[in-house]
Amino acid sequence: MIDSKFIIRYTNALYTTEAECAPRYDEFRDMFSSGQIKSKEWLVAELIKLDLIQEISFVIAGAWYGTLGLMIKCAIPKSRVTMLDIDPRCKPFVDNIIFDDNSIQYVTQDMYHYPYDEQFIINTSCEHIPDIKEWLKNIPEGKMVILQSNNYKDGVGHINTADNEEQFVEQTGLKKIIYKGSLKLPMYTRFMIIGST
């Protein structure tokens, strides 16, 4: 799914981004680790199976340096993607990648204060959220959500991991679930839920 053009966009952005906003070595390493990439490829593959209309809008909460947003755009070219993160360092770097595409944007904002007008809300870092149900209260009723978490308790900032799919479902409190699954990775197992609020 990720090809050389994708990687080149990221490396080229390093030339045009101030050092304090560029990903650090450890962040770049983690961004393209097998666990991160396979987890995102899994999400995109399941998204495609939903047979969605092509012109659909997504917001990715906790978008970090934007790899998932760009992967969705590659898979569903007519989609509109908003990437959202509270870290102000991320936007300048990602803006240097997406400068030529006005159907994809980056917003620096707290995910608890975003309006969530898009059709699909994605959060692949639920293990960083103290109370997932509390965050989901910010999302209008009936919105489609795609959520991921994992069982990697030693990860930095992993304050709310799940031991299995069932525990993750319980953490979200979602009543309408159309997909749930697990992906075994070398260091941890990733869990994913697709459903609606």
C-alpha atoms as a PDB file:
ATOM      1  CA  MET A   1       0.000   0.000   0.000  1.00  0.00           C
ATOM      2  CA  ILE A   2       2.855   2.415   0.770  1.00  0.00           C
ATOM      3  CA  ASP A   3       5.053   2.939  -2.277  1.00  0.00           C
ATOM      4  CA  SER A   4       8.208   4.908  -2.987  1.00  0.00           C
ATOM      5  CA  LYS A   5       6.247   8.093  -3.857  1.00  0.00           C
ATOM      6  CA  PHE A   6       4.666   8.012  -0.403  1.00  0.00           C
ATOM      7  CA  ILE A   7       8.047   7.781   1.333  1.00  0.00           C
ATOM      8  CA  ILE A   8       9.535  10.468  -0.916  1.00  0.00           C
ATOM      9  CA  ARG A   9       6.774  12.904   0.099  1.00  0.00           C
ATOM     10  CA  TYR A  10       7.774  12.380   3.727  1.00  0.00           C
ATOM     11  CA  THR A  11      11.504  12.703   3.174  1.00  0.00           C
ATOM     12  CA  ASN A  12      11.056  15.758   0.934  1.00  0.00           C
ATOM     13  CA  ALA A  13       9.034  17.458   3.682  1.00  0.00           C
ATOM     14  CA  LEU A  14      12.077  17.161   5.948  1.00  0.00           C
ATOM     15  CA  TYR A  15      13.920  19.598   3.654  1.00  0.00           C
ATOM     16  CA  THR A  16      11.212  22.264   3.931  1.00  0.00           C
ATOM     17  CA  THR A  17      10.267  21.975   7.613  1.00  0.00           C
ATOM     18  CA  GLU A  18      12.002  23.790  10.451  1.00  0.00           C
ATOM     19  CA  ALA A  19      13.923  21.341  12.638  1.00  0.00           C
ATOM     20  CA  GLU A  20      11.751  21.952  15.711  1.00  0.00           C
ATOM     21  CA  CYS A  21       8.636  20.822  13.795  1.00  0.00           C
ATOM     22  CA  ALA A  22      10.140  17.884  11.917  1.00  0.00           C
ATOM     23  CA  PRO A  23       9.719  14.379  13.336  1.00  0.00           C
ATOM     24  CA  ARG A  24      12.590  13.343  15.566  1.00  0.00           C
ATOM     25  CA  TYR A  25      14.579  10.224  14.677  1.00  0.00           C
ATOM     26  CA  ASP A  26      12.607   8.055  17.126  1.00  0.00           C
ATOM     27  CA  GLU A  27       9.289   9.439  15.844  1.00  0.00           C
ATOM     28  CA  PHE A  28      10.193   8.791  12.206  1.00  0.00           C
ATOM     29  CA  ARG A  29      11.321   5.283  13.141  1.00  0.00           C
ATOM     30  CA  ASP A  30       8.081   4.575  15.000  1.00  0.00           C
ATOM     31  CA  MET A  31       5.925   6.171  12.304  1.00  0.00           C
ATOM     32  CA  PHE A  32       7.115   3.622   9.763  1.00  0.00           C
ATOM     33  CA  SER A  33       7.525   0.648  12.095  1.00  0.00           C
ATOM     34  CA  SER A  34       5.947  -2.617  10.992  1.00  0.00           C
ATOM     35  CA  GLY A  35       3.340  -2.428  13.767  1.00  0.00           C
ATOM     36  CA  GLN A  36       2.234   1.092  12.852  1.00  0.00           C
ATOM     37  CA  ILE A  37       2.077   0.441   9.123  1.00  0.00           C
ATOM     38  CA  LYS A  38       0.382  -2.963   9.340  1.00  0.00           C
ATOM     39  CA  SER A  39      -2.214  -1.557  11.753  1.00  0.00           C
ATOM     40  CA  LYS A  40      -3.040   1.256   9.345  1.00  0.00           C
ATOM     41  CA  GLU A  41      -3.090  -1.035   6.305  1.00  0.00           C
ATOM     42  CA  TRP A  42      -5.541  -3.265   8.186  1.00  0.00           C
ATOM     43  CA  LEU A  43      -7.799  -0.289   8.883  1.00  0.00           C
ATOM     44  CA  VAL A  44      -7.758   0.835   5.249  1.00  0.00           C
ATOM     45  CA  ALA A  45      -8.452  -2.725   4.022  1.00  0.00           C
ATOM     46  CA  GLU A  46     -11.510  -3.029   6.294  1.00  0.00           C
ATOM     47  CA  LEU A  47     -12.647   0.451   5.297  1.00  0.00           C
ATOM     48  CA  ILE A  48     -12.579  -0.541   1.622  1.00  0.00           C
ATOM     49  CA  LYS A  49     -14.645  -3.663   2.406  1.00  0.00           C
ATOM     50  CA  LEU A  50     -17.450  -1.388   3.624  1.00  0.00           C
ATOM     51  CA  ASP A  51     -17.977  -0.453  -0.045  1.00  0.00           C
ATOM     52  CA  LEU A  52     -18.435   3.229   0.765  1.00  0.00           C
ATOM     53  CA  ILE A  53     -19.392   5.897  -1.691  1.00  0.00           C
ATOM     54  CA  GLN A  54     -16.221   7.529  -2.969  1.00  0.00           C
ATOM     55  CA  GLU A  55     -16.962  11.081  -1.902  1.00  0.00           C
ATOM     56  CA  ILE A  56     -16.863  10.707   1.865  1.00  0.00           C
ATOM     57  CA  SER A  57     -15.322  12.747   4.651  1.00  0.00           C
ATOM     58  CA  PHE A  58     -13.050  11.534   7.421  1.00  0.00           C
ATOM     59  CA  VAL A  59     -11.471  13.096  10.476  1.00  0.00           C
ATOM     60  CA  ILE A  60      -8.563  11.392  12.201  1.00  0.00           C
ATOM     61  CA  ALA A  61      -8.211  12.343  15.868  1.00  0.00           C
ATOM     62  CA  GLY A  62      -4.643  12.007  17.092  1.00  0.00           C
ATOM     63  CA  ALA A  63      -3.376  12.062  13.512  1.00  0.00           C
ATOM     64  CA  TRP A  64       0.233  12.622  14.578  1.00  0.00           C
ATOM     65  CA  TYR A  65       2.371  13.013  11.429  1.00  0.00           C
ATOM     66  CA  GLY A  66      -0.412  12.008   9.062  1.00  0.00           C
ATOM     67  CA  THR A  67       0.500   8.597   7.639  1.00  0.00           C
ATOM     68  CA  LEU A  68      -3.041   7.209   7.984  1.00  0.00           C
ATOM     69  CA  GLY A  69      -4.609  10.292   6.415  1.00  0.00           C
ATOM     70  CA  LEU A  70      -2.419   9.963   3.351  1.00  0.00           C
ATOM     71  CA  MET A  71      -3.030   6.211   3.153  1.00  0.00           C
ATOM     72  CA  ILE A  72      -6.803   6.819   3.131  1.00  0.00           C
ATOM     73  CA  LYS A  73      -6.419   9.443   0.395  1.00  0.00           C
ATOM     74  CA  CYS A  74      -4.413   6.982  -1.700  1.00  0.00           C
ATOM     75  CA  ALA A  75      -7.061   4.260  -1.228  1.00  0.00           C
ATOM     76  CA  ILE A  76     -10.134   6.524  -1.644  1.00  0.00           C
ATOM     77  CA  PRO A  77      -8.929   9.398  -3.863  1.00  0.00           C
ATOM     78  CA  LYS A  78     -12.225  11.345  -3.842  1.00  0.00           C
ATOM     79  CA  SER A  79     -12.435  11.412  -0.059  1.00  0.00           C
ATOM     80  CA  ARG A  80     -11.956  14.506   2.083  1.00  0.00           C
ATOM     81  CA  VAL A  81      -9.637  13.987   5.023  1.00  0.00           C
ATOM     82  CA  THR A  82      -9.065  16.190   8.058  1.00  0.00           C
ATOM     83  CA  MET A  83      -6.179  15.291  10.334  1.00  0.00           C
ATOM     84  CA  LEU A  84      -6.443  16.526  13.903  1.00  0.00           C
ATOM     85  CA  ASP A  85      -3.795  16.631  16.635  1.00  0.00           C
ATOM     86  CA  ILE A  86      -3.081  18.771  19.672  1.00  0.00           C
ATOM     87  CA  ASP A  87       0.705  18.763  19.047  1.00  0.00           C
ATOM     88  CA  PRO A  88       1.539  22.030  17.195  1.00  0.00           C
ATOM     89  CA  ARG A  89       4.745  20.540  15.768  1.00  0.00           C
ATOM     90  CA  CYS A  90       2.833  18.191  13.458  1.00  0.00           C
ATOM     91  CA  LYS A  91       0.911  20.637  11.264  1.00  0.00           C
ATOM     92  CA  PRO A  92       3.889  22.478   9.670  1.00  0.00           C
ATOM     93  CA  PHE A  93       5.473  19.176   8.663  1.00  0.00           C
ATOM     94  CA  VAL A  94       2.275  17.626   7.290  1.00  0.00           C
ATOM     95  CA  ASP A  95       1.372  20.881   5.507  1.00  0.00           C
ATOM     96  CA  ASN A  96       4.646  20.508   3.574  1.00  0.00           C
ATOM     97  CA  ILE A  97       3.423  17.088   2.403  1.00  0.00           C
ATOM     98  CA  ILE A  98      -0.188  17.984   1.516  1.00  0.00           C
ATOM     99  CA  PHE A  99       0.449  21.474   0.088  1.00  0.00           C
ATOM    100  CA  ASP A 100      -0.842  20.489  -3.366  1.00  0.00           C
ATOM    101  CA  ASP A 101      -4.148  18.874  -2.303  1.00  0.00           C
ATOM    102  CA  ASN A 102      -6.971  21.003  -0.883  1.00  0.00           C
ATOM    103  CA  SER A 103      -9.132  17.942  -0.097  1.00  0.00           C
ATOM    104  CA  ILE A 104      -6.868  17.079   2.810  1.00  0.00           C
ATOM    105  CA  GLN A 105      -6.113  19.395   5.714  1.00  0.00           C
ATOM    106  CA  TYR A 106      -4.401  19.435   9.089  1.00  0.00           C
ATOM    107  CA  VAL A 107      -5.895  21.079  12.193  1.00  0.00           C
ATOM    108  CA  THR A 108      -4.097  21.694  15.484  1.00  0.00           C
ATOM    109  CA  GLN A 109      -6.786  21.326  18.127  1.00  0.00           C
ATOM    110  CA  ASP A 110      -7.758  19.392  21.223  1.00  0.00           C
ATOM    111  CA  MET A 111      -9.889  16.420  20.151  1.00  0.00           C
ATOM    112  CA  TYR A 112     -12.292  17.134  23.019  1.00  0.00           C
ATOM    113  CA  HIS A 113     -13.236  20.476  21.421  1.00  0.00           C
ATOM    114  CA  TYR A 114     -13.536  19.550  17.733  1.00  0.00           C
ATOM    115  CA  PRO A 115     -17.068  19.672  16.162  1.00  0.00           C
ATOM    116  CA  TYR A 116     -16.849  16.302  14.295  1.00  0.00           C
ATOM    117  CA  ASP A 117     -18.924  17.261  11.264  1.00  0.00           C
ATOM    118  CA  GLU A 118     -17.324  14.564   9.079  1.00  0.00           C
ATOM    119  CA  GLN A 119     -19.059  11.283   8.195  1.00  0.00           C
ATOM    120  CA  PHE A 120     -16.342   9.023   9.653  1.00  0.00           C
ATOM    121  CA  ILE A 121     -14.394   9.655  12.852  1.00  0.00           C
ATOM    122  CA  ILE A 122     -11.169   7.678  13.295  1.00  0.00           C
ATOM    123  CA  ASN A 123      -8.984   7.303  16.360  1.00  0.00           C
ATOM    124  CA  THR A 124      -6.180   4.733  16.252  1.00  0.00           C
ATOM    125  CA  SER A 125      -4.654   5.660  19.606  1.00  0.00           C
ATOM    126  CA  CYS A 126      -7.407   4.916  22.103  1.00  0.00           C
ATOM    127  CA  GLU A 127      -4.791   3.503  24.490  1.00  0.00           C
ATOM    128  CA  HIS A 128      -3.772   7.143  25.104  1.00  0.00           C
ATOM    129  CA  ILE A 129      -7.294   8.239  26.142  1.00  0.00           C
ATOM    130  CA  PRO A 130      -8.126   8.074  29.877  1.00  0.00           C
ATOM    131  CA  ASP A 131     -11.851   7.503  29.279  1.00  0.00           C
ATOM    132  CA  ILE A 132     -12.909   6.577  25.724  1.00  0.00           C
ATOM    133  CA  LYS A 133     -16.631   6.823  26.525  1.00  0.00           C
ATOM    134  CA  GLU A 134     -16.128  10.386  27.763  1.00  0.00           C
ATOM    135  CA  TRP A 135     -14.375  11.396  24.522  1.00  0.00           C
ATOM    136  CA  LEU A 136     -17.067   9.687  22.402  1.00  0.00           C
ATOM    137  CA  LYS A 137     -19.690  11.935  24.051  1.00  0.00           C
ATOM    138  CA  ASN A 138     -18.241  14.762  21.915  1.00  0.00           C
ATOM    139  CA  ILE A 139     -19.241  12.970  18.700  1.00  0.00           C
ATOM    140  CA  PRO A 140     -22.785  13.479  17.364  1.00  0.00           C
ATOM    141  CA  GLU A 141     -25.123  10.498  17.546  1.00  0.00           C
ATOM    142  CA  GLY A 142     -25.190   8.230  14.514  1.00  0.00           C
ATOM    143  CA  LYS A 143     -21.662   9.000  13.300  1.00  0.00           C
ATOM    144  CA  MET A 144     -19.534   6.122  12.045  1.00  0.00           C
ATOM    145  CA  VAL A 145     -16.383   5.554  14.086  1.00  0.00           C
ATOM    146  CA  ILE A 146     -13.272   3.457  13.576  1.00  0.00           C
ATOM    147  CA  LEU A 147     -11.299   2.899  16.758  1.00  0.00           C
ATOM    148  CA  GLN A 148      -8.057   1.075  17.492  1.00  0.00           C
ATOM    149  CA  SER A 149      -6.269   0.219  20.720  1.00  0.00           C
ATOM    150  CA  ASN A 150      -3.716  -2.359  21.820  1.00  0.00           C
ATOM    151  CA  ASN A 151      -2.434  -4.393  24.753  1.00  0.00           C
ATOM    152  CA  TYR A 152       1.064  -2.837  24.856  1.00  0.00           C
ATOM    153  CA  LYS A 153       1.165  -1.676  28.473  1.00  0.00           C
ATOM    154  CA  ASP A 154       4.817  -0.517  28.320  1.00  0.00           C
ATOM    155  CA  GLY A 155       4.262   2.044  25.556  1.00  0.00           C
ATOM    156  CA  VAL A 156       4.884   5.714  26.370  1.00  0.00           C
ATOM    157  CA  GLY A 157       1.552   7.330  27.199  1.00  0.00           C
ATOM    158  CA  HIS A 158      -0.336   4.030  27.079  1.00  0.00           C
ATOM    159  CA  ILE A 159      -2.629   4.742  30.004  1.00  0.00           C
ATOM    160  CA  ASN A 160      -5.704   2.769  28.905  1.00  0.00           C
ATOM    161  CA  THR A 161      -4.744  -0.390  27.040  1.00  0.00           C
ATOM    162  CA  ALA A 162      -7.133  -3.305  26.471  1.00  0.00           C
ATOM    163  CA  ASP A 163      -6.382  -6.980  27.098  1.00  0.00           C
ATOM    164  CA  ASN A 164      -8.679  -8.236  24.328  1.00  0.00           C
ATOM    165  CA  GLU A 165     -11.411  -7.242  21.855  1.00  0.00           C
ATOM    166  CA  GLU A 166     -14.199  -7.642  24.383  1.00  0.00           C
ATOM    167  CA  GLN A 167     -12.532  -5.323  26.889  1.00  0.00           C
ATOM    168  CA  PHE A 168     -11.960  -2.742  24.159  1.00  0.00           C
ATOM    169  CA  VAL A 169     -15.639  -2.913  23.158  1.00  0.00           C
ATOM    170  CA  GLU A 170     -16.563  -2.399  26.809  1.00  0.00           C
ATOM    171  CA  GLN A 171     -14.212   0.608  27.070  1.00  0.00           C
ATOM    172  CA  THR A 172     -15.974   2.307  24.147  1.00  0.00           C
ATOM    173  CA  GLY A 173     -19.537   1.613  25.219  1.00  0.00           C
ATOM    174  CA  LEU A 174     -20.599   1.489  21.550  1.00  0.00           C
ATOM    175  CA  LYS A 175     -23.928  -0.239  21.044  1.00  0.00           C
ATOM    176  CA  LYS A 176     -23.795  -0.531  17.252  1.00  0.00           C
ATOM    177  CA  ILE A 177     -20.738  -2.469  16.086  1.00  0.00           C
ATOM    178  CA  ILE A 178     -20.391  -3.744  12.532  1.00  0.00           C
ATOM    179  CA  TYR A 179     -16.831  -5.032  12.812  1.00  0.00           C
ATOM    180  CA  LYS A 180     -14.393  -5.998  15.543  1.00  0.00           C
ATOM    181  CA  GLY A 181     -11.099  -7.779  15.170  1.00  0.00           C
ATOM    182  CA  SER A 182      -7.550  -8.351  16.376  1.00  0.00           C
ATOM    183  CA  LEU A 183      -4.225  -8.145  14.584  1.00  0.00           C
ATOM    184  CA  LYS A 184      -1.292  -9.974  16.160  1.00  0.00           C
ATOM    185  CA  LEU A 185       1.928  -7.999  15.746  1.00  0.00           C
ATOM    186  CA  PRO A 186       5.467  -8.742  16.974  1.00  0.00           C
ATOM    187  CA  MET A 187       5.295  -6.531  20.112  1.00  0.00           C
ATOM    188  CA  TYR A 188       1.563  -6.347  20.792  1.00  0.00           C
ATOM    189  CA  THR A 189      -1.927  -7.152  19.537  1.00  0.00           C
ATOM    190  CA  ARG A 190      -3.934  -4.363  17.938  1.00  0.00           C
ATOM    191  CA  PHE A 191      -7.721  -4.263  18.335  1.00  0.00           C
ATOM    192  CA  MET A 192     -10.145  -2.505  15.991  1.00  0.00           C
ATOM    193  CA  ILE A 193     -13.834  -1.649  16.159  1.00  0.00           C
ATOM    194  CA  ILE A 194     -16.003  -0.160  13.416  1.00  0.00           C
ATOM    195  CA  GLY A 195     -19.400   1.014  14.571  1.00  0.00           C
ATOM    196  CA  SER A 196     -21.530   4.052  15.229  1.00  0.00           C
ATOM    197  CA  THR A 197     -22.227   6.386  18.128  1.00  0.00           C
END
